C-alpha atoms as a PDB file:
ATOM      1  CA  UNK A   1       8.446   3.573  -8.227  1.00  0.00           C
ATOM      2  CA  UNK A   2       5.309   2.022  -7.413  1.00  0.00           C
ATOM      3  CA  UNK A   3       3.772   4.105  -3.943  1.00  0.00           C
ATOM      4  CA  UNK A   4       3.798   0.542  -2.348  1.00  0.00           C
ATOM      5  CA  UNK A   5       6.849  -0.294  -2.840  1.00  0.00           C
ATOM      6  CA  UNK A   6       8.076   3.490  -1.900  1.00  0.00           C
ATOM      7  CA  UNK A   7       6.046   2.599   1.945  1.00  0.00           C
ATOM      8  CA  UNK A   8       7.831  -0.836   2.248  1.00  0.00           C
ATOM      9  CA  UNK A   9      10.822   0.543   1.585  1.00  0.00           C
ATOM     10  CA  UNK A  10      10.060   3.150   4.733  1.00  0.00           C
ATOM     11  CA  UNK A  11       9.205   0.593   6.350  1.00  0.00           C
ATOM     12  CA  UNK A  12      13.391  -1.000   5.983  1.00  0.00           C
ATOM     13  CA  UNK A  13      12.281  -3.580   3.776  1.00  0.00           C
ATOM     14  CA  UNK A  14      15.382  -4.446   1.091  1.00  0.00           C
ATOM     15  CA  UNK A  15      14.713  -4.298  -2.648  1.00  0.00           C
ATOM     16  CA  UNK A  16      14.855  -8.656  -2.793  1.00  0.00           C
ATOM     17  CA  UNK A  17      12.189  -7.949   0.171  1.00  0.00           C
ATOM     18  CA  UNK A  18       9.601  -5.563  -1.796  1.00  0.00           C
ATOM     19  CA  UNK A  19       9.434  -7.624  -4.690  1.00  0.00           C
ATOM     20  CA  UNK A  20       8.361 -10.767  -2.465  1.00  0.00           C
ATOM     21  CA  UNK A  21       5.739  -8.889  -1.020  1.00  0.00           C
ATOM     22  CA  UNK A  22       4.588  -7.568  -3.262  1.00  0.00           C
ATOM     23  CA  UNK A  23       3.977 -10.567  -5.506  1.00  0.00           C
ATOM     24  CA  UNK A  24       2.170 -11.740  -2.290  1.00  0.00           C
ATOM     25  CA  UNK A  25      -0.170  -8.825  -2.038  1.00  0.00           C
ATOM     26  CA  UNK A  26      -1.372  -9.134  -5.355  1.00  0.00           C
ATOM     27  CA  UNK A  27      -1.951 -13.176  -5.219  1.00  0.00           C
ATOM     28  CA  UNK A  28      -5.347 -11.838  -3.168  1.00  0.00           C
ATOM     29  CA  UNK A  29      -4.509 -14.140  -0.740  1.00  0.00           C
ATOM     30  CA  UNK A  30      -3.771 -12.727   3.415  1.00  0.00           C
ATOM     31  CA  UNK A  31      -3.555 -16.202   5.201  1.00  0.00           C
ATOM     32  CA  UNK A  32      -0.122 -15.533   5.851  1.00  0.00           C
ATOM     33  CA  UNK A  33      -0.716 -12.313   8.148  1.00  0.00           C
ATOM     34  CA  UNK A  34      -2.569 -11.406  11.703  1.00  0.00           C
ATOM     35  CA  UNK A  35      -5.961 -12.271  11.448  1.00  0.00           C
ATOM     36  CA  UNK A  36      -7.023  -8.602  11.377  1.00  0.00           C
ATOM     37  CA  UNK A  37      -4.783  -7.468   9.100  1.00  0.00           C
ATOM     38  CA  UNK A  38      -5.226 -10.225   6.262  1.00  0.00           C
ATOM     39  CA  UNK A  39      -9.126  -9.417   6.712  1.00  0.00           C
ATOM     40  CA  UNK A  40      -8.758  -5.654   5.681  1.00  0.00           C
ATOM     41  CA  UNK A  41      -6.470  -6.780   3.235  1.00  0.00           C
ATOM     42  CA  UNK A  42      -8.703  -8.795   1.749  1.00  0.00           C
ATOM     43  CA  UNK A  43     -10.953  -5.733   1.814  1.00  0.00           C
ATOM     44  CA  UNK A  44      -9.218  -3.515   0.182  1.00  0.00           C
ATOM     45  CA  UNK A  45      -8.486  -6.050  -2.964  1.00  0.00           C
ATOM     46  CA  UNK A  46     -12.538  -6.854  -3.150  1.00  0.00           C
ATOM     47  CA  UNK A  47     -12.996  -2.990  -2.940  1.00  0.00           C
ATOM     48  CA  UNK A  48     -10.763  -2.592  -5.667  1.00  0.00           C
ATOM     49  CA  UNK A  49     -11.452  -6.134  -7.798  1.00  0.00           C
ATOM     50  CA  UNK A  50     -14.874  -6.484  -7.180  1.00  0.00           C
ATOM     51  CA  UNK A  51     -16.484  -3.819  -4.655  1.00  0.00           C
ATOM     52  CA  UNK A  52     -20.019  -5.237  -6.451  1.00  0.00           C
ATOM     53  CA  UNK A  53     -19.880  -8.172  -4.720  1.00  0.00           C
ATOM     54  CA  UNK A  54     -19.706  -7.167  -1.011  1.00  0.00           C
ATOM     55  CA  UNK A  55     -22.484  -8.144   1.058  1.00  0.00           C
ATOM     56  CA  UNK A  56     -24.173  -6.776   4.407  1.00  0.00           C
ATOM     57  CA  UNK A  57     -22.524  -9.519   5.849  1.00  0.00           C
ATOM     58  CA  UNK A  58     -19.439  -8.891   4.791  1.00  0.00           C
ATOM     59  CA  UNK A  59     -19.239  -5.539   6.387  1.00  0.00           C
ATOM     60  CA  UNK A  60     -20.570  -7.137   9.669  1.00  0.00           C
ATOM     61  CA  UNK A  61     -17.623  -8.936   9.617  1.00  0.00           C
ATOM     62  CA  UNK A  62     -15.174  -6.139   8.987  1.00  0.00           C
ATOM     63  CA  UNK A  63     -17.055  -4.776  11.692  1.00  0.00           C
ATOM     64  CA  UNK A  64     -16.891  -7.407  14.018  1.00  0.00           C
ATOM     65  CA  UNK A  65     -12.789  -7.192  14.075  1.00  0.00           C
ATOM     66  CA  UNK A  66     -12.849  -3.807  13.757  1.00  0.00           C
ATOM     67  CA  UNK A  67     -16.109  -2.229  15.304  1.00  0.00           C
ATOM     68  CA  UNK A  68     -18.095   0.407  13.563  1.00  0.00           C
ATOM     69  CA  UNK A  69     -16.324   3.111  13.771  1.00  0.00           C
ATOM     70  CA  UNK A  70     -12.827   1.981  12.217  1.00  0.00           C
ATOM     71  CA  UNK A  71     -14.399  -0.118   9.618  1.00  0.00           C
ATOM     72  CA  UNK A  72     -16.143   2.317   8.562  1.00  0.00           C
ATOM     73  CA  UNK A  73     -12.178   4.450   8.149  1.00  0.00           C
ATOM     74  CA  UNK A  74     -11.042   0.987   6.841  1.00  0.00           C
ATOM     75  CA  UNK A  75     -13.986   1.560   4.229  1.00  0.00           C
ATOM     76  CA  UNK A  76     -13.801   5.465   3.266  1.00  0.00           C
ATOM     77  CA  UNK A  77      -9.866   5.283   3.249  1.00  0.00           C
ATOM     78  CA  UNK A  78      -9.720   2.337   0.969  1.00  0.00           C
ATOM     79  CA  UNK A  79     -12.118   3.971  -1.396  1.00  0.00           C
ATOM     80  CA  UNK A  80     -10.293   7.248  -1.323  1.00  0.00           C
ATOM     81  CA  UNK A  81      -6.713   5.173  -2.580  1.00  0.00           C
ATOM     82  CA  UNK A  82      -8.597   3.382  -5.125  1.00  0.00           C
ATOM     83  CA  UNK A  83     -10.531   7.042  -6.492  1.00  0.00           C
ATOM     84  CA  UNK A  84      -6.844   8.058  -6.191  1.00  0.00           C
ATOM     85  CA  UNK A  85      -5.653   6.050  -8.050  1.00  0.00           C
ATOM     86  CA  UNK A  86      -7.771   6.230 -11.320  1.00  0.00           C
ATOM     87  CA  UNK A  87      -7.803   9.525 -11.461  1.00  0.00           C
ATOM     88  CA  UNK A  88      -4.114   8.765 -11.482  1.00  0.00           C
ATOM     89  CA  UNK A  89      -4.219   6.611 -14.822  1.00  0.00           C
ATOM     90  CA  UNK A  90      -6.946   9.176 -16.370  1.00  0.00           C
ATOM     91  CA  UNK A  91      -4.396  11.782 -16.308  1.00  0.00           C
ATOM     92  CA  UNK A  92      -1.262   9.197 -17.183  1.00  0.00           C
ATOM     93  CA  UNK A  93       0.819  10.477 -14.000  1.00  0.00           C
ATOM     94  CA  UNK A  94       3.471   9.310 -13.343  1.00  0.00           C
ATOM     95  CA  UNK A  95       4.578   7.277 -10.510  1.00  0.00           C
ATOM     96  CA  UNK A  96       7.949   8.998  -9.153  1.00  0.00           C
ATOM     97  CA  UNK A  97      11.338   7.405 -10.768  1.00  0.00           C
ATOM     98  CA  UNK A  98      12.930   7.161  -7.145  1.00  0.00           C
ATOM     99  CA  UNK A  99      11.357   6.842  -3.020  1.00  0.00           C
ATOM    100  CA  UNK A 100      10.574  10.515  -2.145  1.00  0.00           C
ATOM    101  CA  UNK A 101      11.456   9.327   1.350  1.00  0.00           C
ATOM    102  CA  UNK A 102      14.727   7.965   1.034  1.00  0.00           C
ATOM    103  CA  UNK A 103      16.929   9.967   2.847  1.00  0.00           C
ATOM    104  CA  UNK A 104      19.631  11.184   0.449  1.00  0.00           C
ATOM    105  CA  UNK A 105      23.286  10.528  -0.257  1.00  0.00           C
ATOM    106  CA  UNK A 106      25.511  12.621   2.153  1.00  0.00           C
ATOM    107  CA  UNK A 107      27.204  15.162   0.762  1.00  0.00           C
ATOM    108  CA  UNK A 108      31.035  13.821  -0.709  1.00  0.00           C
ATOM    109  CA  UNK A 109      33.664  16.000   0.300  1.00  0.00           C
ATOM    110  CA  UNK A 110      35.403  17.184  -2.187  1.00  0.00           C
ATOM    111  CA  UNK A 111      40.213  17.223  -1.814  1.00  0.00           C
ATOM    112  CA  UNK A 112      41.785  19.923  -2.431  1.00  0.00           C
ATOM    113  CA  UNK A 113      44.782  17.841  -4.065  1.00  0.00           C
ATOM    114  CA  UNK A 114      46.937  21.005  -4.417  1.00  0.00           C
ATOM    115  CA  UNK A 115      47.585  21.180  -0.437  1.00  0.00           C
END
């Protein structure tokens, strides 16, 4: 299970909602989101796909919405996530098979049919 999908499941989305949301996120069009959230996602997308094309004015736009400290936080966190993905890819680490945050099922009670 991909980490994005796992986090969406933890947020309470069902499998069809998760599939729809991940497809929407993969397009790079975040106009359907609230403006600040869309801008943060756009930065993550661009920093992942075209980091060399980001400019000072792009950063200023991020800073105008989030303030300087939070803008730096966003850039650091997005960069760290990209780094961790590249390390995992380089070592060919598999993703989890299932949602590790999901509550385990309740133990089944065995019924003694001999009584």
